[in-house]
């Protein structure tokens, strides 16, 4: 996947603020400290497009990143940060639920988990929620540089069991530090484009 351009279009808190151009959307969701912003920057080959905060729980909006003028990566608010009030957690939950229920041009929701740790109860709840809406065919395992490649399958097995993933659902390990796994992740996106019959350009035309 060749990234020609990427930009943040809007940070939304309600459906009336969502982009209205009808372009396909692919959403990313995960715990507040899972490295979602770093993953987005790595995927788009940008350093600071998605703001990486030293304090978890800072993403309180739905952020729409337009990629190659053709589709959106959508950054959903992180969950599981204990220092956030119950009312604020409820608001974030409602924001995510409204988006998942109402967005007709949403084609996939991808959960991010930390490859080093067993998914939490919140991760399981979110994955069940994603599956309920017919998504969740791909899970991103972040911070893959923190364990050896020889231990990948052991950790994949733990993730699959905890989340209740099907045999056909995929886990893609990525490292924002070493810029690894991005090609494989975009390969999976190409598959999503194809299965949904989306005419998205994955490589620039030869001149």
Protein backbone atom coordinates (compact mmCIF):
# COMPACT_ATOMS: atom_id res chain seq x y z
CA UNK A 1 0.00 0.00 0.00
CA UNK A 2 1.54 3.28 -1.11
CA UNK A 3 0.61 6.20 1.14
CA UNK A 4 0.58 9.34 -1.01
CA UNK A 5 -1.24 11.65 1.39
CA UNK A 6 -2.84 11.62 4.83
CA UNK A 7 -4.54 14.32 6.87
CA UNK A 8 -6.87 14.69 9.82
CA UNK A 9 -10.19 16.01 8.55
CA UNK A 10 -12.19 16.38 11.76
CA UNK A 11 -12.35 15.37 15.41
CA UNK A 12 -16.01 14.60 15.98
CA UNK A 13 -18.18 14.06 19.06
CA UNK A 14 -21.54 13.56 17.31
CA UNK A 15 -22.85 12.18 13.98
CA UNK A 16 -23.59 15.64 12.60
CA UNK A 17 -19.84 16.28 12.61
CA UNK A 18 -18.88 13.09 10.73
CA UNK A 19 -17.58 13.56 7.16
CA UNK A 20 -20.45 13.46 4.66
CA UNK A 21 -18.50 12.53 1.52
CA UNK A 22 -19.45 8.84 1.72
CA UNK A 23 -15.86 7.58 1.53
CA UNK A 24 -15.18 4.12 3.06
CA UNK A 25 -14.14 4.06 6.72
CA UNK A 26 -12.01 1.61 8.69
CA UNK A 27 -12.00 2.17 12.44
CA UNK A 28 -9.33 1.36 15.06
CA UNK A 29 -10.14 0.87 18.73
CA UNK A 30 -8.23 -0.29 21.81
CA UNK A 31 -7.25 0.43 25.39
CA UNK A 32 -6.01 3.93 26.10
CA UNK A 33 -2.39 2.76 26.52
CA UNK A 34 -2.22 0.21 23.69
CA UNK A 35 -0.31 2.48 21.30
CA UNK A 36 -3.11 3.32 18.87
CA UNK A 37 -1.81 6.78 17.92
CA UNK A 38 1.68 5.38 17.33
CA UNK A 39 0.20 2.61 15.18
CA UNK A 40 -1.70 5.13 13.05
CA UNK A 41 1.43 7.25 12.57
CA UNK A 42 3.39 4.14 11.59
CA UNK A 43 0.73 2.97 9.15
CA UNK A 44 0.63 6.38 7.48
CA UNK A 45 4.41 6.91 7.63
CA UNK A 46 3.96 10.11 9.61
CA UNK A 47 5.61 11.16 12.87
CA UNK A 48 3.01 13.31 14.58
CA UNK A 49 -0.23 13.17 12.58
CA UNK A 50 -1.95 11.30 15.40
CA UNK A 51 -0.93 12.92 18.66
CA UNK A 52 0.87 10.57 21.04
CA UNK A 53 0.24 11.61 24.63
CA UNK A 54 2.28 10.68 27.70
CA UNK A 55 -1.02 10.56 29.60
CA UNK A 56 -3.42 7.76 28.57
CA UNK A 57 -7.08 8.52 27.96
CA UNK A 58 -6.57 11.77 26.05
CA UNK A 59 -8.45 10.75 22.90
CA UNK A 60 -11.95 11.96 23.69
CA UNK A 61 -13.17 12.41 20.14
CA UNK A 62 -13.59 10.31 17.01
CA UNK A 63 -10.75 11.34 14.72
CA UNK A 64 -11.11 10.93 10.96
CA UNK A 65 -7.86 10.59 8.96
CA UNK A 66 -8.26 10.81 5.19
CA UNK A 67 -5.82 8.55 3.37
CA UNK A 68 -4.88 9.12 -0.29
CA UNK A 69 -8.11 11.13 -0.67
CA UNK A 70 -9.92 7.78 -0.96
CA UNK A 71 -10.76 6.36 2.48
CA UNK A 72 -10.65 7.13 6.20
CA UNK A 73 -8.83 5.57 9.10
CA UNK A 74 -11.04 6.38 12.09
CA UNK A 75 -9.49 6.60 15.55
CA UNK A 76 -12.10 5.75 18.20
CA UNK A 77 -11.66 6.84 21.85
CA UNK A 78 -9.52 4.57 24.00
CA UNK A 79 -11.10 2.71 26.90
CA UNK A 80 -10.05 1.18 30.21
CA UNK A 81 -8.27 4.18 31.71
CA UNK A 82 -9.05 4.01 35.44
CA UNK A 83 -8.56 7.71 36.19
CA UNK A 84 -11.47 8.74 33.98
CA UNK A 85 -14.80 9.35 35.71
CA UNK A 86 -17.69 6.92 35.25
CA UNK A 87 -19.77 9.57 33.52
CA UNK A 88 -16.95 10.29 31.07
CA UNK A 89 -16.52 6.57 30.37
CA UNK A 90 -20.25 6.33 29.71
CA UNK A 91 -20.06 9.25 27.29
CA UNK A 92 -17.18 7.64 25.38
CA UNK A 93 -19.07 4.34 25.26
CA UNK A 94 -22.14 6.05 23.89
CA UNK A 95 -20.02 7.91 21.33
CA UNK A 96 -18.49 4.65 20.07
CA UNK A 97 -21.84 2.82 20.06
CA UNK A 98 -23.53 5.61 18.11
CA UNK A 99 -20.78 5.51 15.51
CA UNK A 100 -20.90 1.72 15.14
CA UNK A 101 -24.67 1.67 14.87
CA UNK A 102 -25.16 4.58 12.49
CA UNK A 103 -22.23 4.56 10.06
CA UNK A 104 -23.30 2.99 6.77
CA UNK A 105 -19.90 3.47 5.09
CA UNK A 106 -18.01 1.70 7.90
CA UNK A 107 -16.43 -1.47 6.52
CA UNK A 108 -14.29 -2.80 9.38
CA UNK A 109 -13.49 -2.19 13.04
CA UNK A 110 -10.05 -3.38 14.13
CA UNK A 111 -9.18 -4.03 17.76
CA UNK A 112 -5.66 -3.29 18.97
CA UNK A 113 -4.18 -5.28 21.86
CA UNK A 114 -0.74 -5.30 23.47
CA UNK A 115 1.01 -8.48 22.29
CA UNK A 116 2.82 -8.83 25.64
CA UNK A 117 -0.28 -9.18 27.79
CA UNK A 118 -3.41 -11.27 27.96
CA UNK A 119 -6.36 -9.21 26.69
CA UNK A 120 -8.34 -7.63 29.50
CA UNK A 121 -12.02 -8.02 30.29
CA UNK A 122 -12.53 -4.64 28.60
CA UNK A 123 -10.79 -5.95 25.46
CA UNK A 124 -13.05 -9.01 25.45
CA UNK A 125 -16.14 -6.85 25.90
CA UNK A 126 -15.06 -4.56 23.07
CA UNK A 127 -14.27 -7.48 20.76
CA UNK A 128 -17.67 -9.06 21.47
CA UNK A 129 -19.24 -5.68 20.75
CA UNK A 130 -17.34 -5.37 17.46
CA UNK A 131 -18.34 -8.90 16.46
CA UNK A 132 -21.96 -8.13 17.31
CA UNK A 133 -21.91 -5.48 14.58
CA UNK A 134 -20.35 -7.88 12.08
CA UNK A 135 -16.74 -6.70 12.21
CA UNK A 136 -13.52 -7.90 13.87
CA UNK A 137 -11.88 -10.06 11.20
CA UNK A 138 -8.47 -8.50 11.99
CA UNK A 139 -6.78 -7.81 15.34
CA UNK A 140 -3.59 -5.73 15.57
CA UNK A 141 -1.05 -6.84 18.18
CA UNK A 142 1.04 -3.79 19.06
CA UNK A 143 4.55 -3.51 20.55
CA UNK A 144 5.76 -6.68 18.85
CA UNK A 145 9.38 -5.57 19.29
CA UNK A 146 8.99 -6.18 23.03
CA UNK A 147 9.00 -9.99 22.61
CA UNK A 148 11.02 -12.36 20.43
CA UNK A 149 9.56 -13.62 17.17
CA UNK A 150 9.88 -17.13 18.54
CA UNK A 151 7.25 -16.27 21.16
CA UNK A 152 4.72 -14.79 18.74
CA UNK A 153 2.65 -17.95 18.35
CA UNK A 154 2.48 -18.45 22.13
CA UNK A 155 1.09 -14.94 22.57
CA UNK A 156 -1.23 -15.27 19.56
CA UNK A 157 -2.73 -18.38 21.15
CA UNK A 158 -3.41 -16.48 24.38
CA UNK A 159 -5.01 -13.59 22.48
CA UNK A 160 -7.18 -15.90 20.38
CA UNK A 161 -8.39 -17.86 23.38
CA UNK A 162 -9.15 -14.81 25.53
CA UNK A 163 -11.01 -12.95 22.77
CA UNK A 164 -12.74 -16.03 21.38
CA UNK A 165 -11.44 -15.43 17.86
CA UNK A 166 -12.43 -17.73 15.02
CA UNK A 167 -9.83 -19.70 13.07
CA UNK A 168 -10.21 -17.36 10.09
CA UNK A 169 -9.76 -14.13 12.08
CA UNK A 170 -6.25 -12.72 11.72
CA UNK A 171 -3.73 -11.30 14.17
CA UNK A 172 -1.17 -8.90 12.70
CA UNK A 173 1.80 -7.99 14.94
CA UNK A 174 3.27 -4.52 14.44
CA UNK A 175 6.09 -2.51 15.96
CA UNK A 176 5.92 1.28 15.77
CA UNK A 177 9.45 1.44 17.13
CA UNK A 178 10.98 -0.78 14.43
CA UNK A 179 8.38 -0.02 11.73
CA UNK A 180 7.65 -3.73 11.36
CA UNK A 181 4.43 -5.43 10.33
CA UNK A 182 3.02 -2.47 8.40
CA UNK A 183 3.25 -4.15 4.98
CA UNK A 184 1.42 -7.21 6.31
CA UNK A 185 -1.25 -5.01 7.86
CA UNK A 186 -1.83 -3.13 4.60
CA UNK A 187 -1.97 -6.49 2.82
CA UNK A 188 -4.94 -7.32 5.04
CA UNK A 189 -6.49 -3.96 4.23
CA UNK A 190 -6.17 -4.78 0.53
CA UNK A 191 -8.12 -7.94 1.24
CA UNK A 192 -10.82 -5.87 2.94
CA UNK A 193 -10.95 -3.53 -0.05
CA UNK A 194 -11.34 -6.49 -2.40
CA UNK A 195 -13.96 -8.41 -0.43
CA UNK A 196 -16.07 -5.26 -0.13
CA UNK A 197 -15.58 -4.43 -3.83
CA UNK A 198 -14.04 -1.03 -3.05
CA UNK A 199 -12.15 0.65 -5.88
CA UNK A 200 -9.33 1.97 -3.71
CA UNK A 201 -5.93 2.52 -5.30
CA UNK A 202 -3.30 0.49 -3.48
CA UNK A 203 -0.33 1.37 -5.70
CA UNK A 204 0.27 4.45 -7.85
CA UNK A 205 -0.17 4.02 -11.58
CA UNK A 206 3.00 3.57 -13.60
CA UNK A 207 3.92 6.57 -15.73
